[in-house]
């Protein structure tokens, strides 16, 4: 028969073994990450939660109303290791990481999503950045369990960015100078992206005001119209894109003159071809809105001349320069 001391020793060893097993099972669940959104059932939120689960985190998805607590309070209420608040409308995600002692928040950061990526691609990228950030802070996920792998499809390669499929409409105001003084301009452009880093455009611009040319023989008012095509490359892309382009255009100068006898005024139009080069900056405001600033230089061949009594008193286009500021809208 076993002694009472032996039975107490076996009981103590069994309790320690069970406690260790429970602790290991609890650790295997991984740190708790809370994902909150005004639209918790959105595909982006579901994909983000699935990606985090694949890394080995516990994931809780919750809806957030307009009068909810602060993010820090929400994280404390869930007793989680970290929290991600998703705002798809503004293309941002706020991240809060709890202190090791569970009080307050040690880090509070904001991530901006790339508006040109598809939602599932943005979710995968955000999950990877989040995992790397937590690992740096010593909050590493556990190895993935086989059961979790079967809950979501395997991540695929990033799809083609949405911006490549879009047609954009651009309107801008600016000005041109090239021999007739400064001329304000209004311009419109239709732009398509055959590939992500290249666009083709058709544009039209006009001068709402005329340039006045005066000489002893009389006065002439000159108004310019132009239209053509452009090809732009985007060597730098992100929240701010840089573009460089070349194009061909036709410039029409409509001239209306008046003079005192013995000279007489007349009305005339001249149409000449021109080459144009431009560079610009595109600031992405959302998936479908952007602000643009362009500068350009062109060369008419031949130049446009304004003549009084057979003498050229002014000319335009060799070269001409200008700038424009406008906005663009993605149609589809």
C-alpha atoms as a PDB file:
ATOM      1  CA  UNK A   1       0.000   0.000   0.000  1.00  0.00           C
ATOM      2  CA  UNK A   2       1.255   3.424  -0.905  1.00  0.00           C
ATOM      3  CA  UNK A   3       1.947   5.870   1.911  1.00  0.00           C
ATOM      4  CA  UNK A   4      -0.044   9.148   2.244  1.00  0.00           C
ATOM      5  CA  UNK A   5       3.132  11.127   1.429  1.00  0.00           C
ATOM      6  CA  UNK A   6       3.525   9.234  -1.848  1.00  0.00           C
ATOM      7  CA  UNK A   7      -0.098   9.894  -2.799  1.00  0.00           C
ATOM      8  CA  UNK A   8       0.343  13.636  -2.062  1.00  0.00           C
ATOM      9  CA  UNK A   9       3.475  13.714  -4.223  1.00  0.00           C
ATOM     10  CA  UNK A  10       1.691  12.033  -7.180  1.00  0.00           C
ATOM     11  CA  UNK A  11      -1.253  14.425  -6.851  1.00  0.00           C
ATOM     12  CA  UNK A  12       1.052  17.464  -6.827  1.00  0.00           C
ATOM     13  CA  UNK A  13       2.932  16.251  -9.936  1.00  0.00           C
ATOM     14  CA  UNK A  14      -0.364  15.619 -11.742  1.00  0.00           C
ATOM     15  CA  UNK A  15      -1.654  19.106 -10.885  1.00  0.00           C
ATOM     16  CA  UNK A  16       1.574  20.703 -12.116  1.00  0.00           C
ATOM     17  CA  UNK A  17       1.392  18.700 -15.355  1.00  0.00           C
ATOM     18  CA  UNK A  18      -2.230  19.719 -15.990  1.00  0.00           C
ATOM     19  CA  UNK A  19      -1.452  23.363 -15.222  1.00  0.00           C
ATOM     20  CA  UNK A  20       1.491  23.293 -17.649  1.00  0.00           C
ATOM     21  CA  UNK A  21      -0.691  21.701 -20.342  1.00  0.00           C
ATOM     22  CA  UNK A  22      -3.378  24.341 -19.877  1.00  0.00           C
ATOM     23  CA  UNK A  23      -0.773  27.104 -20.082  1.00  0.00           C
ATOM     24  CA  UNK A  24       0.671  25.625 -23.280  1.00  0.00           C
ATOM     25  CA  UNK A  25      -2.807  25.353 -24.809  1.00  0.00           C
ATOM     26  CA  UNK A  26      -3.549  28.947 -23.856  1.00  0.00           C
ATOM     27  CA  UNK A  27      -0.234  30.148 -25.324  1.00  0.00           C
ATOM     28  CA  UNK A  28      -0.932  28.212 -28.521  1.00  0.00           C
ATOM     29  CA  UNK A  29      -3.913  30.400 -29.138  1.00  0.00           C
ATOM     30  CA  UNK A  30      -1.636  33.358 -29.765  1.00  0.00           C
ATOM     31  CA  UNK A  31      -2.064  37.049 -28.827  1.00  0.00           C
ATOM     32  CA  UNK A  32      -5.550  38.527 -29.219  1.00  0.00           C
ATOM     33  CA  UNK A  33      -6.007  41.101 -32.006  1.00  0.00           C
ATOM     34  CA  UNK A  34      -9.269  43.068 -32.220  1.00  0.00           C
ATOM     35  CA  UNK A  35     -10.413  44.351 -35.634  1.00  0.00           C
ATOM     36  CA  UNK A  36     -13.179  46.981 -35.508  1.00  0.00           C
ATOM     37  CA  UNK A  37     -15.010  48.673 -38.356  1.00  0.00           C
ATOM     38  CA  UNK A  38     -18.270  50.459 -39.087  1.00  0.00           C
ATOM     39  CA  UNK A  39     -18.827  47.671 -41.621  1.00  0.00           C
ATOM     40  CA  UNK A  40     -17.485  44.474 -40.000  1.00  0.00           C
ATOM     41  CA  UNK A  41     -18.953  42.271 -42.744  1.00  0.00           C
ATOM     42  CA  UNK A  42     -17.129  44.091 -45.563  1.00  0.00           C
ATOM     43  CA  UNK A  43     -14.847  41.866 -47.722  1.00  0.00           C
ATOM     44  CA  UNK A  44     -11.813  43.950 -46.730  1.00  0.00           C
ATOM     45  CA  UNK A  45     -12.420  43.376 -42.999  1.00  0.00           C
ATOM     46  CA  UNK A  46     -13.068  39.647 -43.457  1.00  0.00           C
ATOM     47  CA  UNK A  47      -9.872  39.270 -45.520  1.00  0.00           C
ATOM     48  CA  UNK A  48      -7.815  41.210 -42.938  1.00  0.00           C
ATOM     49  CA  UNK A  49      -9.130  39.000 -40.114  1.00  0.00           C
ATOM     50  CA  UNK A  50      -8.362  35.853 -42.121  1.00  0.00           C
ATOM     51  CA  UNK A  51      -4.808  37.017 -42.870  1.00  0.00           C
ATOM     52  CA  UNK A  52      -4.148  37.741 -39.176  1.00  0.00           C
ATOM     53  CA  UNK A  53      -5.543  34.325 -38.215  1.00  0.00           C
ATOM     54  CA  UNK A  54      -3.240  32.680 -40.753  1.00  0.00           C
ATOM     55  CA  UNK A  55      -0.279  34.319 -38.989  1.00  0.00           C
ATOM     56  CA  UNK A  56      -1.352  32.685 -35.699  1.00  0.00           C
ATOM     57  CA  UNK A  57      -3.191  35.491 -33.892  1.00  0.00           C
ATOM     58  CA  UNK A  58      -6.516  35.184 -32.147  1.00  0.00           C
ATOM     59  CA  UNK A  59      -8.842  37.554 -34.004  1.00  0.00           C
ATOM     60  CA  UNK A  60     -12.063  39.187 -32.838  1.00  0.00           C
ATOM     61  CA  UNK A  61     -14.060  41.319 -35.304  1.00  0.00           C
ATOM     62  CA  UNK A  62     -16.490  43.884 -33.886  1.00  0.00           C
ATOM     63  CA  UNK A  63     -18.675  46.719 -35.154  1.00  0.00           C
ATOM     64  CA  UNK A  64     -17.976  50.250 -34.067  1.00  0.00           C
ATOM     65  CA  UNK A  65     -20.773  52.819 -33.822  1.00  0.00           C
ATOM     66  CA  UNK A  66     -20.549  56.592 -33.999  1.00  0.00           C
ATOM     67  CA  UNK A  67     -20.554  57.087 -30.199  1.00  0.00           C
ATOM     68  CA  UNK A  68     -18.182  54.292 -29.241  1.00  0.00           C
ATOM     69  CA  UNK A  69     -15.386  54.527 -26.691  1.00  0.00           C
ATOM     70  CA  UNK A  70     -11.869  55.553 -27.648  1.00  0.00           C
ATOM     71  CA  UNK A  71      -9.651  52.966 -29.292  1.00  0.00           C
ATOM     72  CA  UNK A  72      -7.568  52.601 -26.131  1.00  0.00           C
ATOM     73  CA  UNK A  73     -10.695  51.962 -24.043  1.00  0.00           C
ATOM     74  CA  UNK A  74     -11.940  49.403 -26.560  1.00  0.00           C
ATOM     75  CA  UNK A  75      -8.618  47.577 -26.441  1.00  0.00           C
ATOM     76  CA  UNK A  76      -8.676  47.545 -22.623  1.00  0.00           C
ATOM     77  CA  UNK A  77     -12.239  46.217 -22.646  1.00  0.00           C
ATOM     78  CA  UNK A  78     -11.238  43.305 -24.902  1.00  0.00           C
ATOM     79  CA  UNK A  79      -8.001  42.653 -22.948  1.00  0.00           C
ATOM     80  CA  UNK A  80      -6.229  42.268 -26.275  1.00  0.00           C
ATOM     81  CA  UNK A  81      -2.622  42.671 -27.334  1.00  0.00           C
ATOM     82  CA  UNK A  82      -3.476  45.073 -30.164  1.00  0.00           C
ATOM     83  CA  UNK A  83      -6.368  46.652 -32.056  1.00  0.00           C
ATOM     84  CA  UNK A  84      -6.890  47.719 -35.673  1.00  0.00           C
ATOM     85  CA  UNK A  85      -9.624  50.245 -36.517  1.00  0.00           C
ATOM     86  CA  UNK A  86     -10.450  50.204 -40.246  1.00  0.00           C
ATOM     87  CA  UNK A  87     -11.924  53.200 -42.086  1.00  0.00           C
ATOM     88  CA  UNK A  88     -12.333  52.185 -45.735  1.00  0.00           C
ATOM     89  CA  UNK A  89     -14.042  55.446 -46.674  1.00  0.00           C
ATOM     90  CA  UNK A  90     -10.909  57.443 -45.810  1.00  0.00           C
ATOM     91  CA  UNK A  91      -8.549  54.591 -46.801  1.00  0.00           C
ATOM     92  CA  UNK A  92      -6.893  54.508 -43.364  1.00  0.00           C
ATOM     93  CA  UNK A  93      -6.307  52.042 -40.529  1.00  0.00           C
ATOM     94  CA  UNK A  94      -5.465  53.052 -36.948  1.00  0.00           C
ATOM     95  CA  UNK A  95      -3.359  50.641 -34.897  1.00  0.00           C
ATOM     96  CA  UNK A  96      -3.171  50.571 -31.076  1.00  0.00           C
ATOM     97  CA  UNK A  97      -0.729  48.261 -29.260  1.00  0.00           C
ATOM     98  CA  UNK A  98      -1.223  47.626 -25.527  1.00  0.00           C
ATOM     99  CA  UNK A  99       1.503  47.963 -22.923  1.00  0.00           C
ATOM    100  CA  UNK A 100       2.969  44.741 -21.618  1.00  0.00           C
ATOM    101  CA  UNK A 101       1.287  45.401 -18.244  1.00  0.00           C
ATOM    102  CA  UNK A 102      -2.108  45.833 -19.954  1.00  0.00           C
ATOM    103  CA  UNK A 103      -2.579  49.493 -19.023  1.00  0.00           C
ATOM    104  CA  UNK A 104      -2.948  52.234 -21.634  1.00  0.00           C
ATOM    105  CA  UNK A 105      -1.399  52.042 -25.079  1.00  0.00           C
ATOM    106  CA  UNK A 106       2.295  51.961 -25.855  1.00  0.00           C
ATOM    107  CA  UNK A 107       1.855  52.834 -29.551  1.00  0.00           C
ATOM    108  CA  UNK A 108      -0.888  54.477 -31.570  1.00  0.00           C
ATOM    109  CA  UNK A 109      -0.213  54.697 -35.322  1.00  0.00           C
ATOM    110  CA  UNK A 110      -2.074  55.368 -38.557  1.00  0.00           C
ATOM    111  CA  UNK A 111      -1.581  53.490 -41.823  1.00  0.00           C
ATOM    112  CA  UNK A 112      -2.737  54.888 -45.173  1.00  0.00           C
ATOM    113  CA  UNK A 113      -3.970  52.320 -47.666  1.00  0.00           C
ATOM    114  CA  UNK A 114      -2.973  52.544 -51.325  1.00  0.00           C
ATOM    115  CA  UNK A 115      -6.131  53.647 -53.232  1.00  0.00           C
ATOM    116  CA  UNK A 116      -4.877  51.988 -56.423  1.00  0.00           C
ATOM    117  CA  UNK A 117      -4.805  48.501 -54.884  1.00  0.00           C
ATOM    118  CA  UNK A 118      -7.744  46.146 -54.653  1.00  0.00           C
ATOM    119  CA  UNK A 119      -9.289  45.677 -51.204  1.00  0.00           C
ATOM    120  CA  UNK A 120      -7.960  42.137 -50.686  1.00  0.00           C
ATOM    121  CA  UNK A 121      -4.439  43.225 -51.654  1.00  0.00           C
ATOM    122  CA  UNK A 122      -4.560  46.124 -49.187  1.00  0.00           C
ATOM    123  CA  UNK A 123      -5.772  43.707 -46.491  1.00  0.00           C
ATOM    124  CA  UNK A 124      -2.857  41.323 -47.109  1.00  0.00           C
ATOM    125  CA  UNK A 125      -0.297  44.154 -47.090  1.00  0.00           C
ATOM    126  CA  UNK A 126      -1.757  45.672 -43.892  1.00  0.00           C
ATOM    127  CA  UNK A 127      -1.719  42.283 -42.120  1.00  0.00           C
ATOM    128  CA  UNK A 128       1.944  41.714 -43.045  1.00  0.00           C
ATOM    129  CA  UNK A 129       2.984  45.189 -41.847  1.00  0.00           C
ATOM    130  CA  UNK A 130       1.012  44.663 -38.637  1.00  0.00           C
ATOM    131  CA  UNK A 131       2.661  41.283 -37.977  1.00  0.00           C
ATOM    132  CA  UNK A 132       6.132  42.765 -38.536  1.00  0.00           C
ATOM    133  CA  UNK A 133       5.406  45.698 -36.200  1.00  0.00           C
ATOM    134  CA  UNK A 134       4.122  43.463 -33.388  1.00  0.00           C
ATOM    135  CA  UNK A 135       7.068  41.092 -33.784  1.00  0.00           C
ATOM    136  CA  UNK A 136       9.445  44.051 -33.334  1.00  0.00           C
ATOM    137  CA  UNK A 137       7.631  44.864 -30.073  1.00  0.00           C
ATOM    138  CA  UNK A 138       8.002  41.296 -28.839  1.00  0.00           C
ATOM    139  CA  UNK A 139       4.380  40.258 -29.526  1.00  0.00           C
ATOM    140  CA  UNK A 140       5.010  37.391 -31.905  1.00  0.00           C
ATOM    141  CA  UNK A 141       2.221  35.175 -33.291  1.00  0.00           C
ATOM    142  CA  UNK A 142       2.165  31.439 -32.659  1.00  0.00           C
ATOM    143  CA  UNK A 143       2.815  28.887 -35.407  1.00  0.00           C
ATOM    144  CA  UNK A 144      -0.223  28.372 -37.600  1.00  0.00           C
ATOM    145  CA  UNK A 145      -2.532  25.486 -36.746  1.00  0.00           C
ATOM    146  CA  UNK A 146      -3.694  23.201 -39.599  1.00  0.00           C
ATOM    147  CA  UNK A 147      -7.359  23.896 -38.778  1.00  0.00           C
ATOM    148  CA  UNK A 148      -6.929  27.604 -39.425  1.00  0.00           C
ATOM    149  CA  UNK A 149      -5.347  27.049 -42.844  1.00  0.00           C
ATOM    150  CA  UNK A 150      -8.560  25.495 -44.136  1.00  0.00           C
ATOM    151  CA  UNK A 151     -10.783  28.425 -43.088  1.00  0.00           C
ATOM    152  CA  UNK A 152      -9.655  30.811 -45.867  1.00  0.00           C
ATOM    153  CA  UNK A 153      -8.213  30.406 -49.379  1.00  0.00           C
ATOM    154  CA  UNK A 154      -4.460  30.673 -49.865  1.00  0.00           C
ATOM    155  CA  UNK A 155      -3.270  34.219 -50.562  1.00  0.00           C
ATOM    156  CA  UNK A 156      -2.816  34.852 -54.257  1.00  0.00           C
ATOM    157  CA  UNK A 157      -0.420  37.194 -56.018  1.00  0.00           C
ATOM    158  CA  UNK A 158      -1.426  40.885 -55.959  1.00  0.00           C
ATOM    159  CA  UNK A 159      -3.941  41.611 -58.747  1.00  0.00           C
ATOM    160  CA  UNK A 160      -3.730  44.445 -61.218  1.00  0.00           C
ATOM    161  CA  UNK A 161      -4.240  47.813 -59.524  1.00  0.00           C
ATOM    162  CA  UNK A 162      -7.646  49.415 -59.944  1.00  0.00           C
ATOM    163  CA  UNK A 163      -6.171  52.603 -61.403  1.00  0.00           C
ATOM    164  CA  UNK A 164      -5.043  50.669 -64.500  1.00  0.00           C
ATOM    165  CA  UNK A 165      -8.659  49.997 -65.454  1.00  0.00           C
ATOM    166  CA  UNK A 166      -9.941  53.506 -64.933  1.00  0.00           C
ATOM    167  CA  UNK A 167     -10.828  56.290 -67.297  1.00  0.00           C
ATOM    168  CA  UNK A 168     -10.096  59.701 -65.765  1.00  0.00           C
ATOM    169  CA  UNK A 169     -11.588  63.099 -66.563  1.00  0.00           C
ATOM    170  CA  UNK A 170      -9.462  66.158 -65.783  1.00  0.00           C
ATOM    171  CA  UNK A 171     -10.351  69.863 -65.672  1.00  0.00           C
ATOM    172  CA  UNK A 172      -7.781  72.584 -64.977  1.00  0.00           C
ATOM    173  CA  UNK A 173      -7.085  76.312 -65.052  1.00  0.00           C
ATOM    174  CA  UNK A 174      -3.740  77.817 -65.940  1.00  0.00           C
ATOM    175  CA  UNK A 175      -1.940  80.090 -68.321  1.00  0.00           C
ATOM    176  CA  UNK A 176       0.422  80.216 -71.306  1.00  0.00           C
ATOM    177  CA  UNK A 177       3.038  82.689 -72.367  1.00  0.00           C
ATOM    178  CA  UNK A 178       4.925  82.584 -75.643  1.00  0.00           C
ATOM    179  CA  UNK A 179       5.173  85.949 -77.388  1.00  0.00           C
ATOM    180  CA  UNK A 180       1.719  87.471 -76.881  1.00  0.00           C
ATOM    181  CA  UNK A 181       1.937  88.010 -73.137  1.00  0.00           C
ATOM    182  CA  UNK A 182       0.270  85.908 -70.465  1.00  0.00           C
ATOM    183  CA  UNK A 183      -2.947  84.203 -71.580  1.00  0.00           C
ATOM    184  CA  UNK A 184      -5.230  82.484 -69.012  1.00  0.00           C
ATOM    185  CA  UNK A 185      -6.450  79.051 -70.102  1.00  0.00           C
ATOM    186  CA  UNK A 186      -9.122  76.480 -69.368  1.00  0.00           C
ATOM    187  CA  UNK A 187      -8.335  72.877 -70.226  1.00  0.00           C
ATOM    188  CA  UNK A 188     -10.050  69.486 -70.291  1.00  0.00           C
ATOM    189  CA  UNK A 189      -8.466  66.048 -70.625  1.00  0.00           C
ATOM    190  CA  UNK A 190      -9.596  62.432 -70.973  1.00  0.00           C
ATOM    191  CA  UNK A 191      -6.982  59.953 -69.719  1.00  0.00           C
ATOM    192  CA  UNK A 192      -6.781  56.153 -69.901  1.00  0.00           C
ATOM    193  CA  UNK A 193      -4.236  53.730 -68.389  1.00  0.00           C
ATOM    194  CA  UNK A 194      -3.279  50.838 -70.693  1.00  0.00           C
ATOM    195  CA  UNK A 195      -0.744  49.850 -68.000  1.00  0.00           C
ATOM    196  CA  UNK A 196      -0.209  51.090 -64.463  1.00  0.00           C
ATOM    197  CA  UNK A 197       2.820  53.258 -65.211  1.00  0.00           C
ATOM    198  CA  UNK A 198       1.671  54.687 -68.577  1.00  0.00           C
ATOM    199  CA  UNK A 199      -1.315  56.787 -69.658  1.00  0.00           C
ATOM    200  CA  UNK A 200      -2.644  58.135 -72.938  1.00  0.00           C
ATOM    201  CA  UNK A 201      -4.683  61.328 -73.089  1.00  0.00           C
ATOM    202  CA  UNK A 202      -6.679  63.531 -75.403  1.00  0.00           C
ATOM    203  CA  UNK A 203      -6.962  67.190 -74.381  1.00  0.00           C
ATOM    204  CA  UNK A 204      -8.523  70.474 -75.397  1.00  0.00           C
ATOM    205  CA  UNK A 205      -7.761  73.975 -74.121  1.00  0.00           C
ATOM    206  CA  UNK A 206      -8.902  77.506 -74.846  1.00  0.00           C
ATOM    207  CA  UNK A 207      -8.099  81.062 -73.818  1.00  0.00           C
ATOM    208  CA  UNK A 208     -11.233  82.752 -72.429  1.00  0.00           C
ATOM    209  CA  UNK A 209      -9.560  86.146 -72.878  1.00  0.00           C
ATOM    210  CA  UNK A 210      -7.815  87.591 -75.931  1.00  0.00           C
ATOM    211  CA  UNK A 211      -4.278  88.887 -76.185  1.00  0.00           C
ATOM    212  CA  UNK A 212      -4.116  92.420 -77.613  1.00  0.00           C
ATOM    213  CA  UNK A 213      -1.422  93.391 -80.072  1.00  0.00           C
ATOM    214  CA  UNK A 214      -1.058  97.117 -80.875  1.00  0.00           C
ATOM    215  CA  UNK A 215       1.014  98.976 -83.450  1.00  0.00           C
ATOM    216  CA  UNK A 216       0.868 102.235 -85.348  1.00  0.00           C
ATOM    217  CA  UNK A 217      -1.194 100.577 -88.094  1.00  0.00           C
ATOM    218  CA  UNK A 218      -3.938  99.252 -85.788  1.00  0.00           C
ATOM    219  CA  UNK A 219      -4.983  96.771 -83.094  1.00  0.00           C
ATOM    220  CA  UNK A 220      -5.521  93.007 -83.200  1.00  0.00           C
ATOM    221  CA  UNK A 221      -7.127  90.688 -80.639  1.00  0.00           C
ATOM    222  CA  UNK A 222      -5.740  87.122 -80.671  1.00  0.00           C
ATOM    223  CA  UNK A 223      -7.429  84.129 -79.045  1.00  0.00           C
ATOM    224  CA  UNK A 224      -5.863  80.665 -78.908  1.00  0.00           C
ATOM    225  CA  UNK A 225      -7.440  77.211 -79.077  1.00  0.00           C
ATOM    226  CA  UNK A 226      -5.477  73.945 -78.892  1.00  0.00           C
ATOM    227  CA  UNK A 227      -6.130  70.222 -78.892  1.00  0.00           C
ATOM    228  CA  UNK A 228      -4.049  67.097 -79.148  1.00  0.00           C
ATOM    229  CA  UNK A 229      -2.815  63.862 -77.602  1.00  0.00           C
ATOM    230  CA  UNK A 230      -0.315  63.095 -74.826  1.00  0.00           C
ATOM    231  CA  UNK A 231       1.529  60.045 -73.536  1.00  0.00           C
ATOM    232  CA  UNK A 232       2.657  60.222 -69.885  1.00  0.00           C
ATOM    233  CA  UNK A 233       4.947  57.908 -67.915  1.00  0.00           C
ATOM    234  CA  UNK A 234       4.869  57.665 -64.096  1.00  0.00           C
ATOM    235  CA  UNK A 235       8.395  56.914 -62.817  1.00  0.00           C
ATOM    236  CA  UNK A 236       7.403  57.521 -59.174  1.00  0.00           C
ATOM    237  CA  UNK A 237       4.101  56.216 -57.767  1.00  0.00           C
ATOM    238  CA  UNK A 238       2.485  56.212 -54.353  1.00  0.00           C
ATOM    239  CA  UNK A 239       0.296  58.733 -52.543  1.00  0.00           C
ATOM    240  CA  UNK A 240       2.039  61.310 -54.771  1.00  0.00           C
ATOM    241  CA  UNK A 241       2.780  60.400 -58.407  1.00  0.00           C
ATOM    242  CA  UNK A 242       5.310  62.103 -60.665  1.00  0.00           C
ATOM    243  CA  UNK A 243       4.641  62.124 -64.403  1.00  0.00           C
ATOM    244  CA  UNK A 244       6.600  63.008 -67.539  1.00  0.00           C
ATOM    245  CA  UNK A 245       4.930  63.263 -70.931  1.00  0.00           C
ATOM    246  CA  UNK A 246       5.273  64.064 -74.623  1.00  0.00           C
ATOM    247  CA  UNK A 247       2.557  64.986 -77.077  1.00  0.00           C
ATOM    248  CA  UNK A 248       1.450  66.496 -80.334  1.00  0.00           C
ATOM    249  CA  UNK A 249      -1.083  69.282 -80.688  1.00  0.00           C
ATOM    250  CA  UNK A 250      -2.712  71.652 -83.148  1.00  0.00           C
ATOM    251  CA  UNK A 251      -2.812  75.324 -82.162  1.00  0.00           C
ATOM    252  CA  UNK A 252      -5.391  77.637 -83.708  1.00  0.00           C
ATOM    253  CA  UNK A 253      -4.980  81.379 -83.428  1.00  0.00           C
ATOM    254  CA  UNK A 254      -8.068  83.428 -84.197  1.00  0.00           C
ATOM    255  CA  UNK A 255      -7.153  87.058 -84.955  1.00  0.00           C
ATOM    256  CA  UNK A 256      -9.503  90.008 -85.328  1.00  0.00           C
ATOM    257  CA  UNK A 257      -7.976  93.363 -86.289  1.00  0.00           C
ATOM    258  CA  UNK A 258      -9.103  96.953 -86.636  1.00  0.00           C
ATOM    259  CA  UNK A 259      -7.263  99.928 -88.164  1.00  0.00           C
ATOM    260  CA  UNK A 260      -7.654 103.502 -89.254  1.00  0.00           C
ATOM    261  CA  UNK A 261      -7.549 104.432 -92.986  1.00  0.00           C
ATOM    262  CA  UNK A 262      -5.700 103.923 -95.183  1.00  0.00           C
ATOM    263  CA  UNK A 263      -5.410 100.458 -93.536  1.00  0.00           C
ATOM    264  CA  UNK A 264      -8.334  98.165 -92.961  1.00  0.00           C
ATOM    265  CA  UNK A 265      -8.936  95.558 -90.301  1.00  0.00           C
ATOM    266  CA  UNK A 266      -9.803  91.954 -91.040  1.00  0.00           C
ATOM    267  CA  UNK A 267     -10.481  88.639 -89.307  1.00  0.00           C
ATOM    268  CA  UNK A 268      -8.286  85.591 -89.820  1.00  0.00           C
ATOM    269  CA  UNK A 269      -7.409  82.178 -88.323  1.00  0.00           C
ATOM    270  CA  UNK A 270      -4.170  80.236 -88.447  1.00  0.00           C
ATOM    271  CA  UNK A 271      -3.776  76.528 -87.611  1.00  0.00           C
ATOM    272  CA  UNK A 272      -0.266  75.164 -86.960  1.00  0.00           C
ATOM    273  CA  UNK A 273       1.090  71.890 -85.473  1.00  0.00           C
ATOM    274  CA  UNK A 274       3.157  71.887 -82.303  1.00  0.00           C
ATOM    275  CA  UNK A 275       5.095  69.480 -80.091  1.00  0.00           C
ATOM    276  CA  UNK A 276       4.716  69.672 -76.310  1.00  0.00           C
ATOM    277  CA  UNK A 277       6.507  68.195 -73.293  1.00  0.00           C
ATOM    278  CA  UNK A 278       5.183  68.317 -69.759  1.00  0.00           C
ATOM    279  CA  UNK A 279       5.948  67.249 -66.216  1.00  0.00           C
ATOM    280  CA  UNK A 280       3.622  67.147 -63.276  1.00  0.00           C
ATOM    281  CA  UNK A 281       2.640  65.970 -59.821  1.00  0.00           C
ATOM    282  CA  UNK A 282      -0.530  63.985 -59.043  1.00  0.00           C
ATOM    283  CA  UNK A 283      -1.749  63.918 -55.428  1.00  0.00           C
ATOM    284  CA  UNK A 284      -4.120  60.988 -54.809  1.00  0.00           C
ATOM    285  CA  UNK A 285      -6.951  62.137 -52.527  1.00  0.00           C
ATOM    286  CA  UNK A 286      -9.008  58.934 -52.755  1.00  0.00           C
ATOM    287  CA  UNK A 287      -9.609  56.020 -55.126  1.00  0.00           C
ATOM    288  CA  UNK A 288     -11.394  58.292 -57.601  1.00  0.00           C
ATOM    289  CA  UNK A 289     -10.175  61.828 -56.841  1.00  0.00           C
ATOM    290  CA  UNK A 290      -6.805  63.501 -57.353  1.00  0.00           C
ATOM    291  CA  UNK A 291      -5.281  66.976 -57.573  1.00  0.00           C
ATOM    292  CA  UNK A 292      -2.795  67.730 -60.348  1.00  0.00           C
ATOM    293  CA  UNK A 293      -0.151  70.369 -61.037  1.00  0.00           C
ATOM    294  CA  UNK A 294       1.444  70.500 -64.494  1.00  0.00           C
ATOM    295  CA  UNK A 295       4.108  72.568 -66.240  1.00  0.00           C
ATOM    296  CA  UNK A 296       4.695  72.363 -69.980  1.00  0.00           C
ATOM    297  CA  UNK A 297       6.751  73.720 -72.844  1.00  0.00           C
ATOM    298  CA  UNK A 298       5.811  73.618 -76.515  1.00  0.00           C
ATOM    299  CA  UNK A 299       7.118  74.558 -79.927  1.00  0.00           C
ATOM    300  CA  UNK A 300       4.973  75.586 -82.900  1.00  0.00           C
ATOM    301  CA  UNK A 301       6.230  74.811 -86.403  1.00  0.00           C
ATOM    302  CA  UNK A 302       5.930  77.280 -87.992  1.00  0.00           C
ATOM    303  CA  UNK A 303       5.393  80.043 -85.463  1.00  0.00           C
ATOM    304  CA  UNK A 304       2.162  82.034 -85.453  1.00  0.00           C
ATOM    305  CA  UNK A 305       2.728  85.612 -86.675  1.00  0.00           C
ATOM    306  CA  UNK A 306       0.547  88.692 -86.247  1.00  0.00           C
ATOM    307  CA  UNK A 307       1.061  91.073 -89.204  1.00  0.00           C
ATOM    308  CA  UNK A 308       0.090  94.662 -89.810  1.00  0.00           C
ATOM    309  CA  UNK A 309       0.475  96.006 -93.347  1.00  0.00           C
ATOM    310  CA  UNK A 310       2.669  93.015 -94.288  1.00  0.00           C
ATOM    311  CA  UNK A 311       5.004  93.443 -91.333  1.00  0.00           C
ATOM    312  CA  UNK A 312       5.173  90.930 -88.452  1.00  0.00           C
ATOM    313  CA  UNK A 313       4.627  92.865 -85.213  1.00  0.00           C
ATOM    314  CA  UNK A 314       4.239  89.864 -82.858  1.00  0.00           C
ATOM    315  CA  UNK A 315       4.588  86.078 -82.924  1.00  0.00           C
ATOM    316  CA  UNK A 316       3.662  83.107 -80.782  1.00  0.00           C
ATOM    317  CA  UNK A 317       4.958  79.619 -80.222  1.00  0.00           C
ATOM    318  CA  UNK A 318       8.721  79.443 -80.566  1.00  0.00           C
ATOM    319  CA  UNK A 319       8.631  78.384 -77.790  1.00  0.00           C
ATOM    320  CA  UNK A 320       5.650  78.728 -75.461  1.00  0.00           C
ATOM    321  CA  UNK A 321       5.481  77.734 -71.779  1.00  0.00           C
ATOM    322  CA  UNK A 322       2.726  77.379 -69.217  1.00  0.00           C
ATOM    323  CA  UNK A 323       1.313  75.723 -66.119  1.00  0.00           C
ATOM    324  CA  UNK A 324      -2.042  74.403 -64.954  1.00  0.00           C
ATOM    325  CA  UNK A 325      -3.681  73.331 -61.702  1.00  0.00           C
ATOM    326  CA  UNK A 326      -6.715  71.072 -61.702  1.00  0.00           C
ATOM    327  CA  UNK A 327      -8.548  68.042 -60.441  1.00  0.00           C
ATOM    328  CA  UNK A 328      -9.215  64.590 -61.856  1.00  0.00           C
ATOM    329  CA  UNK A 329     -12.078  62.140 -61.363  1.00  0.00           C
ATOM    330  CA  UNK A 330     -11.908  58.403 -62.020  1.00  0.00           C
ATOM    331  CA  UNK A 331     -14.975  57.385 -64.045  1.00  0.00           C
ATOM    332  CA  UNK A 332     -14.498  53.592 -63.879  1.00  0.00           C
END
